[in-house]
Amino acid sequence: MTHPPQRVRVTRTRTGDTRPRRPSLHEEIGQQSPLGAAYLDSLVRAQLRLALTVVASLALVLGLLPALFALVPAVRGAQVAGLPLPWLVLGLLVYPAAVLSARQYTRAAERIEAQFADVVADR
């Protein structure tokens, strides 16, 4: 008479691999480990570099307008449709330039964050 094999309850694997599991990058960032802090610092540096670039370029363009008006009297005294040219430039070109700069900044910041999220998701 043959007996059926005895049932065995498996509670864990028998591989003998007792190495601790390496935390994911998402957990590293959440736990504020040195590796997570390094990744987060790189994100902050990239966003700061972007912000400083946008502010510097906008400040340069806006800073050059008064210099242009001061150095070139013909531009300062010119009129278009009865309005002084400096007023038109300041009223019609500066605000769209600021809005476009803000729009480009937002897109670039979102791209940086998406790249960071991809890196975190992959590891």
PDB file of N, CA and C in Angstrom:
ATOM      1  N   MET A   1       0.821  -1.153   0.000  1.00  0.00           N
ATOM      2  CA  MET A   1       0.000   0.000   0.000  1.00  0.00           C
ATOM      3  C   MET A   1       0.888   1.246   0.000  1.00  0.00           C
ATOM      4  N   THR A   2       0.612   2.189  -0.923  1.00  0.00           N
ATOM      5  CA  THR A   2       1.399   3.403  -1.053  1.00  0.00           C
ATOM      6  C   THR A   2       0.668   4.552  -0.375  1.00  0.00           C
ATOM      7  N   HIS A   3       1.432   5.242   0.470  1.00  0.00           N
ATOM      8  CA  HIS A   3       0.840   6.404   1.163  1.00  0.00           C
ATOM      9  C   HIS A   3       1.106   7.660   0.342  1.00  0.00           C
ATOM     10  N   PRO A   4       0.144   8.589   0.310  1.00  0.00           N
ATOM     11  CA  PRO A   4       0.385   9.851  -0.397  1.00  0.00           C
ATOM     12  C   PRO A   4       1.515  10.623   0.306  1.00  0.00           C
ATOM     13  N   PRO A   5       2.251  11.442  -0.457  1.00  0.00           N
ATOM     14  CA  PRO A   5       3.329  12.193   0.170  1.00  0.00           C
ATOM     15  C   PRO A   5       2.804  13.113   1.266  1.00  0.00           C
ATOM     16  N   GLN A   6       3.606  13.297   2.263  1.00  0.00           N
ATOM     17  CA  GLN A   6       3.223  14.138   3.380  1.00  0.00           C
ATOM     18  C   GLN A   6       3.236  15.607   2.953  1.00  0.00           C
ATOM     19  N   ARG A   7       2.254  16.322   3.398  1.00  0.00           N
ATOM     20  CA  ARG A   7       2.149  17.741   3.047  1.00  0.00           C
ATOM     21  C   ARG A   7       3.181  18.544   3.826  1.00  0.00           C
ATOM     22  N   VAL A   8       3.756  19.517   3.132  1.00  0.00           N
ATOM     23  CA  VAL A   8       4.764  20.364   3.756  1.00  0.00           C
ATOM     24  C   VAL A   8       4.289  21.806   3.673  1.00  0.00           C
ATOM     25  N   ARG A   9       4.357  22.500   4.774  1.00  0.00           N
ATOM     26  CA  ARG A   9       3.977  23.908   4.794  1.00  0.00           C
ATOM     27  C   ARG A   9       5.234  24.737   4.539  1.00  0.00           C
ATOM     28  N   VAL A  10       5.181  25.607   3.514  1.00  0.00           N
ATOM     29  CA  VAL A  10       6.314  26.453   3.165  1.00  0.00           C
ATOM     30  C   VAL A  10       6.086  27.821   3.796  1.00  0.00           C
ATOM     31  N   THR A  11       7.011  28.201   4.662  1.00  0.00           N
ATOM     32  CA  THR A  11       6.871  29.503   5.328  1.00  0.00           C
ATOM     33  C   THR A  11       7.864  30.525   4.807  1.00  0.00           C
ATOM     34  N   ARG A  12       8.966  30.063   4.221  1.00  0.00           N
ATOM     35  CA  ARG A  12       9.923  30.967   3.603  1.00  0.00           C
ATOM     36  C   ARG A  12      10.770  30.166   2.626  1.00  0.00           C
ATOM     37  N   THR A  13      11.493  30.886   1.803  1.00  0.00           N
ATOM     38  CA  THR A  13      12.316  30.195   0.819  1.00  0.00           C
ATOM     39  C   THR A  13      13.535  29.594   1.490  1.00  0.00           C
ATOM     40  N   ARG A  14      14.129  28.607   0.853  1.00  0.00           N
ATOM     41  CA  ARG A  14      15.298  27.939   1.408  1.00  0.00           C
ATOM     42  C   ARG A  14      16.582  28.347   0.703  1.00  0.00           C
ATOM     43  N   THR A  15      16.598  29.492   0.088  1.00  0.00           N
ATOM     44  CA  THR A  15      17.770  29.884  -0.679  1.00  0.00           C
ATOM     45  C   THR A  15      18.954  30.202   0.210  1.00  0.00           C
ATOM     46  N   GLY A  16      18.713  30.499   1.443  1.00  0.00           N
ATOM     47  CA  GLY A  16      19.815  30.844   2.323  1.00  0.00           C
ATOM     48  C   GLY A  16      20.311  32.262   2.108  1.00  0.00           C
ATOM     49  N   ASP A  17      19.675  32.995   1.216  1.00  0.00           N
ATOM     50  CA  ASP A  17      20.062  34.369   0.925  1.00  0.00           C
ATOM     51  C   ASP A  17      19.521  35.253   2.032  1.00  0.00           C
ATOM     52  N   THR A  18      20.402  35.643   2.925  1.00  0.00           N
ATOM     53  CA  THR A  18      19.969  36.458   4.062  1.00  0.00           C
ATOM     54  C   THR A  18      20.385  37.913   3.913  1.00  0.00           C
ATOM     55  N   ARG A  19      20.794  38.295   2.711  1.00  0.00           N
ATOM     56  CA  ARG A  19      21.163  39.697   2.490  1.00  0.00           C
ATOM     57  C   ARG A  19      19.941  40.583   2.642  1.00  0.00           C
ATOM     58  N   PRO A  20      20.118  41.727   3.255  1.00  0.00           N
ATOM     59  CA  PRO A  20      18.966  42.634   3.374  1.00  0.00           C
ATOM     60  C   PRO A  20      18.591  43.189   1.998  1.00  0.00           C
ATOM     61  N   ARG A  21      17.318  43.423   1.832  1.00  0.00           N
ATOM     62  CA  ARG A  21      16.806  43.975   0.581  1.00  0.00           C
ATOM     63  C   ARG A  21      17.248  45.423   0.467  1.00  0.00           C
ATOM     64  N   ARG A  22      17.732  45.789  -0.712  1.00  0.00           N
ATOM     65  CA  ARG A  22      18.155  47.167  -0.960  1.00  0.00           C
ATOM     66  C   ARG A  22      16.910  48.030  -1.158  1.00  0.00           C
ATOM     67  N   PRO A  23      16.789  49.110  -0.405  1.00  0.00           N
ATOM     68  CA  PRO A  23      15.596  49.953  -0.562  1.00  0.00           C
ATOM     69  C   PRO A  23      15.573  50.618  -1.940  1.00  0.00           C
ATOM     70  N   SER A  24      14.375  50.855  -2.427  1.00  0.00           N
ATOM     71  CA  SER A  24      14.238  51.529  -3.714  1.00  0.00           C
ATOM     72  C   SER A  24      14.618  53.001  -3.561  1.00  0.00           C
ATOM     73  N   LEU A  25      14.827  53.640  -4.685  1.00  0.00           N
ATOM     74  CA  LEU A  25      15.204  55.051  -4.653  1.00  0.00           C
ATOM     75  C   LEU A  25      14.086  55.891  -4.042  1.00  0.00           C
ATOM     76  N   HIS A  26      12.866  55.492  -4.314  1.00  0.00           N
ATOM     77  CA  HIS A  26      11.719  56.197  -3.738  1.00  0.00           C
ATOM     78  C   HIS A  26      11.771  56.121  -2.214  1.00  0.00           C
ATOM     79  N   GLU A  27      12.105  54.935  -1.681  1.00  0.00           N
ATOM     80  CA  GLU A  27      12.233  54.786  -0.228  1.00  0.00           C
ATOM     81  C   GLU A  27      13.441  55.556   0.296  1.00  0.00           C
ATOM     82  N   GLU A  28      14.525  55.574  -0.486  1.00  0.00           N
ATOM     83  CA  GLU A  28      15.722  56.321  -0.079  1.00  0.00           C
ATOM     84  C   GLU A  28      15.397  57.802   0.081  1.00  0.00           C
ATOM     85  N   ILE A  29      14.626  58.326  -0.850  1.00  0.00           N
ATOM     86  CA  ILE A  29      14.259  59.744  -0.785  1.00  0.00           C
ATOM     87  C   ILE A  29      13.338  59.986   0.398  1.00  0.00           C
ATOM     88  N   GLY A  30      12.372  59.089   0.585  1.00  0.00           N
ATOM     89  CA  GLY A  30      11.432  59.234   1.696  1.00  0.00           C
ATOM     90  C   GLY A  30      12.112  59.142   3.052  1.00  0.00           C
ATOM     91  N   GLN A  31      13.125  58.294   3.160  1.00  0.00           N
ATOM     92  CA  GLN A  31      13.840  58.129   4.425  1.00  0.00           C
ATOM     93  C   GLN A  31      14.935  59.180   4.608  1.00  0.00           C
ATOM     94  N   GLN A  32      15.138  59.996   3.617  1.00  0.00           N
ATOM     95  CA  GLN A  32      16.159  61.049   3.628  1.00  0.00           C
ATOM     96  C   GLN A  32      17.549  60.473   3.895  1.00  0.00           C
ATOM     97  N   SER A  33      17.831  59.367   3.222  1.00  0.00           N
ATOM     98  CA  SER A  33      19.160  58.766   3.332  1.00  0.00           C
ATOM     99  C   SER A  33      20.147  59.617   2.528  1.00  0.00           C
ATOM    100  N   PRO A  34      21.442  59.383   2.661  1.00  0.00           N
ATOM    101  CA  PRO A  34      22.414  60.167   1.888  1.00  0.00           C
ATOM    102  C   PRO A  34      22.197  60.061   0.376  1.00  0.00           C
ATOM    103  N   LEU A  35      21.855  58.864  -0.110  1.00  0.00           N
ATOM    104  CA  LEU A  35      21.596  58.714  -1.543  1.00  0.00           C
ATOM    105  C   LEU A  35      20.341  59.484  -1.960  1.00  0.00           C
ATOM    106  N   GLY A  36      19.287  59.355  -1.170  1.00  0.00           N
ATOM    107  CA  GLY A  36      18.057  60.089  -1.467  1.00  0.00           C
ATOM    108  C   GLY A  36      18.275  61.591  -1.410  1.00  0.00           C
ATOM    109  N   ALA A  37      19.055  62.032  -0.436  1.00  0.00           N
ATOM    110  CA  ALA A  37      19.355  63.466  -0.322  1.00  0.00           C
ATOM    111  C   ALA A  37      20.152  63.950  -1.526  1.00  0.00           C
ATOM    112  N   ALA A  38      21.055  63.104  -2.029  1.00  0.00           N
ATOM    113  CA  ALA A  38      21.847  63.494  -3.211  1.00  0.00           C
ATOM    114  C   ALA A  38      20.947  63.656  -4.427  1.00  0.00           C
ATOM    115  N   TYR A  39      20.009  62.739  -4.625  1.00  0.00           N
ATOM    116  CA  TYR A  39      19.086  62.857  -5.756  1.00  0.00           C
ATOM    117  C   TYR A  39      18.197  64.081  -5.607  1.00  0.00           C
ATOM    118  N   LEU A  40      17.702  64.314  -4.395  1.00  0.00           N
ATOM    119  CA  LEU A  40      16.848  65.477  -4.170  1.00  0.00           C
ATOM    120  C   LEU A  40      17.622  66.773  -4.354  1.00  0.00           C
ATOM    121  N   ASP A  41      18.873  66.803  -3.901  1.00  0.00           N
ATOM    122  CA  ASP A  41      19.708  67.992  -4.104  1.00  0.00           C
ATOM    123  C   ASP A  41      19.936  68.266  -5.581  1.00  0.00           C
ATOM    124  N   SER A  42      20.100  67.200  -6.364  1.00  0.00           N
ATOM    125  CA  SER A  42      20.300  67.410  -7.806  1.00  0.00           C
ATOM    126  C   SER A  42      19.050  68.001  -8.443  1.00  0.00           C
ATOM    127  N   LEU A  43      17.875  67.567  -7.987  1.00  0.00           N
ATOM    128  CA  LEU A  43      16.623  68.147  -8.499  1.00  0.00           C
ATOM    129  C   LEU A  43      16.532  69.627  -8.136  1.00  0.00           C
ATOM    130  N   VAL A  44      16.834  69.946  -6.896  1.00  0.00           N
ATOM    131  CA  VAL A  44      16.748  71.341  -6.445  1.00  0.00           C
ATOM    132  C   VAL A  44      17.761  72.207  -7.193  1.00  0.00           C
ATOM    133  N   ARG A  45      18.993  71.690  -7.391  1.00  0.00           N
ATOM    134  CA  ARG A  45      20.001  72.451  -8.135  1.00  0.00           C
ATOM    135  C   ARG A  45      19.578  72.698  -9.572  1.00  0.00           C
ATOM    136  N   ALA A  46      18.985  71.695 -10.215  1.00  0.00           N
ATOM    137  CA  ALA A  46      18.538  71.862 -11.600  1.00  0.00           C
ATOM    138  C   ALA A  46      17.442  72.918 -11.681  1.00  0.00           C
ATOM    139  N   GLN A  47      16.515  72.885 -10.728  1.00  0.00           N
ATOM    140  CA  GLN A  47      15.441  73.883 -10.749  1.00  0.00           C
ATOM    141  C   GLN A  47      15.969  75.277 -10.412  1.00  0.00           C
ATOM    142  N   LEU A  48      16.919  75.361  -9.505  1.00  0.00           N
ATOM    143  CA  LEU A  48      17.503  76.665  -9.171  1.00  0.00           C
ATOM    144  C   LEU A  48      18.269  77.226 -10.363  1.00  0.00           C
ATOM    145  N   ARG A  49      19.024  76.377 -11.045  1.00  0.00           N
ATOM    146  CA  ARG A  49      19.775  76.825 -12.230  1.00  0.00           C
ATOM    147  C   ARG A  49      18.810  77.349 -13.293  1.00  0.00           C
ATOM    148  N   LEU A  50      17.714  76.642 -13.494  1.00  0.00           N
ATOM    149  CA  LEU A  50      16.714  77.085 -14.467  1.00  0.00           C
ATOM    150  C   LEU A  50      16.117  78.426 -14.061  1.00  0.00           C
ATOM    151  N   ALA A  51      15.745  78.566 -12.799  1.00  0.00           N
ATOM    152  CA  ALA A  51      15.138  79.820 -12.329  1.00  0.00           C
ATOM    153  C   ALA A  51      16.105  80.987 -12.473  1.00  0.00           C
ATOM    154  N   LEU A  52      17.358  80.773 -12.099  1.00  0.00           N
ATOM    155  CA  LEU A  52      18.343  81.854 -12.215  1.00  0.00           C
ATOM    156  C   LEU A  52      18.609  82.222 -13.667  1.00  0.00           C
ATOM    157  N   THR A  53      18.594  81.236 -14.552  1.00  0.00           N
ATOM    158  CA  THR A  53      18.787  81.513 -15.974  1.00  0.00           C
ATOM    159  C   THR A  53      17.651  82.360 -16.533  1.00  0.00           C
ATOM    160  N   VAL A  54      16.426  82.002 -16.183  1.00  0.00           N
ATOM    161  CA  VAL A  54      15.270  82.758 -16.687  1.00  0.00           C
ATOM    162  C   VAL A  54      15.267  84.174 -16.118  1.00  0.00           C
ATOM    163  N   VAL A  55      15.521  84.308 -14.826  1.00  0.00           N
ATOM    164  CA  VAL A  55      15.521  85.638 -14.207  1.00  0.00           C
ATOM    165  C   VAL A  55      16.649  86.497 -14.774  1.00  0.00           C
ATOM    166  N   ALA A  56      17.827  85.903 -14.945  1.00  0.00           N
ATOM    167  CA  ALA A  56      18.958  86.673 -15.478  1.00  0.00           C
ATOM    168  C   ALA A  56      18.708  87.120 -16.906  1.00  0.00           C
ATOM    169  N   SER A  57      18.157  86.248 -17.731  1.00  0.00           N
ATOM    170  CA  SER A  57      17.906  86.640 -19.122  1.00  0.00           C
ATOM    171  C   SER A  57      16.835  87.715 -19.213  1.00  0.00           C
ATOM    172  N   LEU A  58      15.789  87.596 -18.408  1.00  0.00           N
ATOM    173  CA  LEU A  58      14.743  88.619 -18.422  1.00  0.00           C
ATOM    174  C   LEU A  58      15.276  89.940 -17.865  1.00  0.00           C
ATOM    175  N   ALA A  59      16.081  89.871 -16.806  1.00  0.00           N
ATOM    176  CA  ALA A  59      16.660  91.091 -16.240  1.00  0.00           C
ATOM    177  C   ALA A  59      17.625  91.749 -17.223  1.00  0.00           C
ATOM    178  N   LEU A  60      18.362  90.943 -17.966  1.00  0.00           N
ATOM    179  CA  LEU A  60      19.286  91.495 -18.946  1.00  0.00           C
ATOM    180  C   LEU A  60      18.524  92.248 -20.043  1.00  0.00           C
ATOM    181  N   VAL A  61      17.484  91.625 -20.554  1.00  0.00           N
ATOM    182  CA  VAL A  61      16.700  92.278 -21.616  1.00  0.00           C
ATOM    183  C   VAL A  61      16.032  93.542 -21.088  1.00  0.00           C
ATOM    184  N   LEU A  62      15.428  93.449 -19.910  1.00  0.00           N
ATOM    185  CA  LEU A  62      14.758  94.631 -19.349  1.00  0.00           C
ATOM    186  C   LEU A  62      15.767  95.690 -18.931  1.00  0.00           C
ATOM    187  N   GLY A  63      16.956  95.287 -18.515  1.00  0.00           N
ATOM    188  CA  GLY A  63      17.982  96.245 -18.124  1.00  0.00           C
ATOM    189  C   GLY A  63      18.591  96.971 -19.312  1.00  0.00           C
ATOM    190  N   LEU A  64      18.593  96.318 -20.467  1.00  0.00           N
ATOM    191  CA  LEU A  64      19.156  96.951 -21.650  1.00  0.00           C
ATOM    192  C   LEU A  64      18.214  97.989 -22.270  1.00  0.00           C
ATOM    193  N   LEU A  65      16.933  97.886 -22.014  1.00  0.00           N
ATOM    194  CA  LEU A  65      15.994  98.859 -22.590  1.00  0.00           C
ATOM    195  C   LEU A  65      16.265 100.281 -22.095  1.00  0.00           C
ATOM    196  N   PRO A  66      16.384 100.523 -20.794  1.00  0.00           N
ATOM    197  CA  PRO A  66      16.699 101.892 -20.358  1.00  0.00           C
ATOM    198  C   PRO A  66      18.041 102.378 -20.901  1.00  0.00           C
ATOM    199  N   ALA A  67      19.015 101.455 -20.990  1.00  0.00           N
ATOM    200  CA  ALA A  67      20.313 101.847 -21.555  1.00  0.00           C
ATOM    201  C   ALA A  67      20.160 102.253 -23.013  1.00  0.00           C
ATOM    202  N   LEU A  68      19.351 101.519 -23.759  1.00  0.00           N
ATOM    203  CA  LEU A  68      19.103 101.856 -25.161  1.00  0.00           C
ATOM    204  C   LEU A  68      18.444 103.224 -25.272  1.00  0.00           C
ATOM    205  N   PHE A  69      17.437 103.461 -24.434  1.00  0.00           N
ATOM    206  CA  PHE A  69      16.740 104.746 -24.485  1.00  0.00           C
ATOM    207  C   PHE A  69      17.660 105.892 -24.077  1.00  0.00           C
ATOM    208  N   ALA A  70      18.577 105.643 -23.144  1.00  0.00           N
ATOM    209  CA  ALA A  70      19.477 106.701 -22.685  1.00  0.00           C
ATOM    210  C   ALA A  70      20.588 106.981 -23.693  1.00  0.00           C
ATOM    211  N   LEU A  71      21.075 105.946 -24.344  1.00  0.00           N
ATOM    212  CA  LEU A  71      22.220 106.110 -25.243  1.00  0.00           C
ATOM    213  C   LEU A  71      21.827 106.529 -26.657  1.00  0.00           C
ATOM    214  N   VAL A  72      20.611 106.221 -27.066  1.00  0.00           N
ATOM    215  CA  VAL A  72      20.185 106.548 -28.430  1.00  0.00           C
ATOM    216  C   VAL A  72      18.999 107.515 -28.333  1.00  0.00           C
ATOM    217  N   PRO A  73      19.280 108.809 -28.421  1.00  0.00           N
ATOM    218  CA  PRO A  73      18.207 109.808 -28.290  1.00  0.00           C
ATOM    219  C   PRO A  73      17.143 109.690 -29.377  1.00  0.00           C
ATOM    220  N   ALA A  74      17.509 109.200 -30.544  1.00  0.00           N
ATOM    221  CA  ALA A  74      16.517 109.066 -31.618  1.00  0.00           C
ATOM    222  C   ALA A  74      15.434 108.067 -31.226  1.00  0.00           C
ATOM    223  N   VAL A  75      15.809 107.021 -30.532  1.00  0.00           N
ATOM    224  CA  VAL A  75      14.821 106.022 -30.087  1.00  0.00           C
ATOM    225  C   VAL A  75      13.953 106.617 -29.000  1.00  0.00           C
ATOM    226  N   ARG A  76      14.578 107.380 -28.112  1.00  0.00           N
ATOM    227  CA  ARG A  76      13.830 107.981 -27.013  1.00  0.00           C
ATOM    228  C   ARG A  76      12.796 108.989 -27.525  1.00  0.00           C
ATOM    229  N   GLY A  77      13.121 109.704 -28.579  1.00  0.00           N
ATOM    230  CA  GLY A  77      12.205 110.729 -29.084  1.00  0.00           C
ATOM    231  C   GLY A  77      11.269 110.236 -30.172  1.00  0.00           C
ATOM    232  N   ALA A  78      11.430 109.018 -30.662  1.00  0.00           N
ATOM    233  CA  ALA A  78      10.581 108.509 -31.753  1.00  0.00           C
ATOM    234  C   ALA A  78       9.159 108.297 -31.272  1.00  0.00           C
ATOM    235  N   GLN A  79       8.247 108.477 -32.241  1.00  0.00           N
ATOM    236  CA  GLN A  79       6.836 108.262 -31.930  1.00  0.00           C
ATOM    237  C   GLN A  79       6.226 107.358 -32.991  1.00  0.00           C
ATOM    238  N   VAL A  80       5.319 106.528 -32.536  1.00  0.00           N
ATOM    239  CA  VAL A  80       4.585 105.632 -33.437  1.00  0.00           C
ATOM    240  C   VAL A  80       3.106 105.840 -33.140  1.00  0.00           C
ATOM    241  N   ALA A  81       2.370 106.250 -34.160  1.00  0.00           N
ATOM    242  CA  ALA A  81       0.931 106.514 -34.031  1.00  0.00           C
ATOM    243  C   ALA A  81       0.651 107.514 -32.909  1.00  0.00           C
ATOM    244  N   GLY A  82       1.529 108.490 -32.748  1.00  0.00           N
ATOM    245  CA  GLY A  82       1.317 109.529 -31.762  1.00  0.00           C
ATOM    246  C   GLY A  82       1.748 109.157 -30.349  1.00  0.00           C
ATOM    247  N   LEU A  83       2.244 107.957 -30.167  1.00  0.00           N
ATOM    248  CA  LEU A  83       2.699 107.534 -28.836  1.00  0.00           C
ATOM    249  C   LEU A  83       4.215 107.396 -28.830  1.00  0.00           C
ATOM    250  N   PRO A  84       4.844 107.767 -27.714  1.00  0.00           N
ATOM    251  CA  PRO A  84       6.303 107.632 -27.644  1.00  0.00           C
ATOM    252  C   PRO A  84       6.720 106.154 -27.752  1.00  0.00           C
ATOM    253  N   LEU A  85       7.777 105.914 -28.526  1.00  0.00           N
ATOM    254  CA  LEU A  85       8.253 104.551 -28.748  1.00  0.00           C
ATOM    255  C   LEU A  85       8.631 103.833 -27.448  1.00  0.00           C
ATOM    256  N   PRO A  86       9.307 104.485 -26.488  1.00  0.00           N
ATOM    257  CA  PRO A  86       9.612 103.774 -25.236  1.00  0.00           C
ATOM    258  C   PRO A  86       8.368 103.260 -24.515  1.00  0.00           C
ATOM    259  N   TRP A  87       7.305 104.040 -24.553  1.00  0.00           N
ATOM    260  CA  TRP A  87       6.070 103.597 -23.915  1.00  0.00           C
ATOM    261  C   TRP A  87       5.498 102.380 -24.634  1.00  0.00           C
ATOM    262  N   LEU A  88       5.534 102.414 -25.942  1.00  0.00           N
ATOM    263  CA  LEU A  88       5.025 101.266 -26.700  1.00  0.00           C
ATOM    264  C   LEU A  88       5.855 100.013 -26.431  1.00  0.00           C
ATOM    265  N   VAL A  89       7.175 100.191 -26.417  1.00  0.00           N
ATOM    266  CA  VAL A  89       8.039  99.033 -26.168  1.00  0.00           C
ATOM    267  C   VAL A  89       7.769  98.473 -24.776  1.00  0.00           C
ATOM    268  N   LEU A  90       7.714  99.351 -23.786  1.00  0.00           N
ATOM    269  CA  LEU A  90       7.470  98.888 -22.419  1.00  0.00           C
ATOM    270  C   LEU A  90       6.068  98.304 -22.249  1.00  0.00           C
ATOM    271  N   GLY A  91       5.107  98.909 -22.897  1.00  0.00           N
ATOM    272  CA  GLY A  91       3.724  98.454 -22.743  1.00  0.00           C
ATOM    273  C   GLY A  91       3.361  97.242 -23.566  1.00  0.00           C
ATOM    274  N   LEU A  92       3.950  97.133 -24.756  1.00  0.00           N
ATOM    275  CA  LEU A  92       3.523  96.060 -25.658  1.00  0.00           C
ATOM    276  C   LEU A  92       4.512  94.911 -25.791  1.00  0.00           C
ATOM    277  N   LEU A  93       5.770  95.122 -25.446  1.00  0.00           N
ATOM    278  CA  LEU A  93       6.749  94.051 -25.624  1.00  0.00           C
ATOM    279  C   LEU A  93       7.232  93.426 -24.316  1.00  0.00           C
ATOM    280  N   VAL A  94       7.284  94.210 -23.258  1.00  0.00           N
ATOM    281  CA  VAL A  94       7.821  93.696 -22.005  1.00  0.00           C
ATOM    282  C   VAL A  94       6.887  92.660 -21.389  1.00  0.00           C
ATOM    283  N   TYR A  95       5.610  92.934 -21.336  1.00  0.00           N
ATOM    284  CA  TYR A  95       4.690  91.999 -20.698  1.00  0.00           C
ATOM    285  C   TYR A  95       4.580  90.681 -21.459  1.00  0.00           C
ATOM    286  N   PRO A  96       4.447  90.705 -22.777  1.00  0.00           N
ATOM    287  CA  PRO A  96       4.471  89.412 -23.482  1.00  0.00           C
ATOM    288  C   PRO A  96       5.782  88.657 -23.294  1.00  0.00           C
ATOM    289  N   ALA A  97       6.895  89.379 -23.218  1.00  0.00           N
ATOM    290  CA  ALA A  97       8.181  88.706 -22.979  1.00  0.00           C
ATOM    291  C   ALA A  97       8.198  88.054 -21.598  1.00  0.00           C
ATOM    292  N   ALA A  98       7.645  88.725 -20.612  1.00  0.00           N
ATOM    293  CA  ALA A  98       7.584  88.150 -19.267  1.00  0.00           C
ATOM    294  C   ALA A  98       6.672  86.931 -19.236  1.00  0.00           C
ATOM    295  N   VAL A  99       5.548  87.013 -19.919  1.00  0.00           N
ATOM    296  CA  VAL A  99       4.615  85.879 -19.959  1.00  0.00           C
ATOM    297  C   VAL A  99       5.244  84.697 -20.687  1.00  0.00           C
ATOM    298  N   LEU A 100       5.907  84.950 -21.798  1.00  0.00           N
ATOM    299  CA  LEU A 100       6.561  83.868 -22.528  1.00  0.00           C
ATOM    300  C   LEU A 100       7.698  83.251 -21.714  1.00  0.00           C
ATOM    301  N   SER A 101       8.432  84.078 -21.000  1.00  0.00           N
ATOM    302  CA  SER A 101       9.490  83.554 -20.134  1.00  0.00           C
ATOM    303  C   SER A 101       8.905  82.673 -19.037  1.00  0.00           C
ATOM    304  N   ALA A 102       7.822  83.114 -18.445  1.00  0.00           N
ATOM    305  CA  ALA A 102       7.169  82.315 -17.404  1.00  0.00           C
ATOM    306  C   ALA A 102       6.645  80.996 -17.970  1.00  0.00           C
ATOM    307  N   ARG A 103       6.105  81.049 -19.154  1.00  0.00           N
ATOM    308  CA  ARG A 103       5.590  79.831 -19.799  1.00  0.00           C
ATOM    309  C   ARG A 103       6.729  78.841 -20.092  1.00  0.00           C
ATOM    310  N   GLN A 104       7.833  79.354 -20.631  1.00  0.00           N
ATOM    311  CA  GLN A 104       8.989  78.493 -20.916  1.00  0.00           C
ATOM    312  C   GLN A 104       9.569  77.927 -19.626  1.00  0.00           C
ATOM    313  N   TYR A 105       9.612  78.744 -18.581  1.00  0.00           N
ATOM    314  CA  TYR A 105      10.116  78.273 -17.293  1.00  0.00           C
ATOM    315  C   TYR A 105       9.255  77.131 -16.772  1.00  0.00           C
ATOM    316  N   THR A 106       7.940  77.293 -16.845  1.00  0.00           N
ATOM    317  CA  THR A 106       7.029  76.259 -16.354  1.00  0.00           C
ATOM    318  C   THR A 106       7.221  74.960 -17.120  1.00  0.00           C
ATOM    319  N   ARG A 107       7.310  75.040 -18.434  1.00  0.00           N
ATOM    320  CA  ARG A 107       7.519  73.831 -19.240  1.00  0.00           C
ATOM    321  C   ARG A 107       8.844  73.157 -18.896  1.00  0.00           C
ATOM    322  N   ALA A 108       9.898  73.937 -18.757  1.00  0.00           N
ATOM    323  CA  ALA A 108      11.213  73.366 -18.442  1.00  0.00           C
ATOM    324  C   ALA A 108      11.221  72.764 -17.037  1.00  0.00           C
ATOM    325  N   ALA A 109      10.576  73.422 -16.081  1.00  0.00           N
ATOM    326  CA  ALA A 109      10.510  72.890 -14.714  1.00  0.00           C
ATOM    327  C   ALA A 109       9.725  71.580 -14.686  1.00  0.00           C
ATOM    328  N   GLU A 110       8.630  71.508 -15.435  1.00  0.00           N
ATOM    329  CA  GLU A 110       7.857  70.267 -15.509  1.00  0.00           C
ATOM    330  C   GLU A 110       8.668  69.159 -16.175  1.00  0.00           C
ATOM    331  N   ARG A 111       9.474  69.510 -17.170  1.00  0.00           N
ATOM    332  CA  ARG A 111      10.321  68.518 -17.839  1.00  0.00           C
ATOM    333  C   ARG A 111      11.376  67.979 -16.872  1.00  0.00           C
ATOM    334  N   ILE A 112      11.962  68.857 -16.069  1.00  0.00           N
ATOM    335  CA  ILE A 112      12.950  68.436 -15.077  1.00  0.00           C
ATOM    336  C   ILE A 112      12.304  67.502 -14.050  1.00  0.00           C
ATOM    337  N   GLU A 113      11.119  67.857 -13.592  1.00  0.00           N
ATOM    338  CA  GLU A 113      10.433  67.021 -12.612  1.00  0.00           C
ATOM    339  C   GLU A 113      10.039  65.675 -13.206  1.00  0.00           C
ATOM    340  N   ALA A 114       9.630  65.658 -14.468  1.00  0.00           N
ATOM    341  CA  ALA A 114       9.274  64.394 -15.121  1.00  0.00           C
ATOM    342  C   ALA A 114      10.505  63.501 -15.271  1.00  0.00           C
ATOM    343  N   GLN A 115      11.643  64.089 -15.621  1.00  0.00           N
ATOM    344  CA  GLN A 115      12.874  63.306 -15.714  1.00  0.00           C
ATOM    345  C   GLN A 115      13.261  62.744 -14.358  1.00  0.00           C
ATOM    346  N   PHE A 116      13.098  63.535 -13.321  1.00  0.00           N
ATOM    347  CA  PHE A 116      13.409  63.069 -11.971  1.00  0.00           C
ATOM    348  C   PHE A 116      12.470  61.924 -11.582  1.00  0.00           C
ATOM    349  N   ALA A 117      11.190  62.078 -11.885  1.00  0.00           N
ATOM    350  CA  ALA A 117      10.230  61.020 -11.571  1.00  0.00           C
ATOM    351  C   ALA A 117      10.552  59.739 -12.333  1.00  0.00           C
ATOM    352  N   ASP A 118      11.002  59.865 -13.579  1.00  0.00           N
ATOM    353  CA  ASP A 118      11.398  58.675 -14.351  1.00  0.00           C
ATOM    354  C   ASP A 118      12.593  57.984 -13.717  1.00  0.00           C
ATOM    355  N   VAL A 119      13.557  58.748 -13.254  1.00  0.00           N
ATOM    356  CA  VAL A 119      14.737  58.162 -12.608  1.00  0.00           C
ATOM    357  C   VAL A 119      14.326  57.447 -11.327  1.00  0.00           C
ATOM    358  N   VAL A 120      13.459  58.068 -10.544  1.00  0.00           N
ATOM    359  CA  VAL A 120      13.027  57.473  -9.293  1.00  0.00           C
ATOM    360  C   VAL A 120      12.209  56.207  -9.550  1.00  0.00           C
ATOM    361  N   ALA A 121      11.376  56.234 -10.577  1.00  0.00           N
ATOM    362  CA  ALA A 121      10.543  55.068 -10.893  1.00  0.00           C
ATOM    363  C   ALA A 121      11.368  53.906 -11.432  1.00  0.00           C
ATOM    364  N   ASP A 122      12.449  54.197 -12.133  1.00  0.00           N
ATOM    365  CA  ASP A 122      13.261  53.145 -12.724  1.00  0.00           C
ATOM    366  C   ASP A 122      14.129  52.416 -11.703  1.00  0.00           C
ATOM    367  N   ARG A 123      14.414  53.031 -10.590  1.00  0.00           N
ATOM    368  CA  ARG A 123      15.334  52.398  -9.633  1.00  0.00           C
ATOM    369  C   ARG A 123      14.625  51.834  -8.476  1.00  0.00           C
TER     370      ARG A 123
END
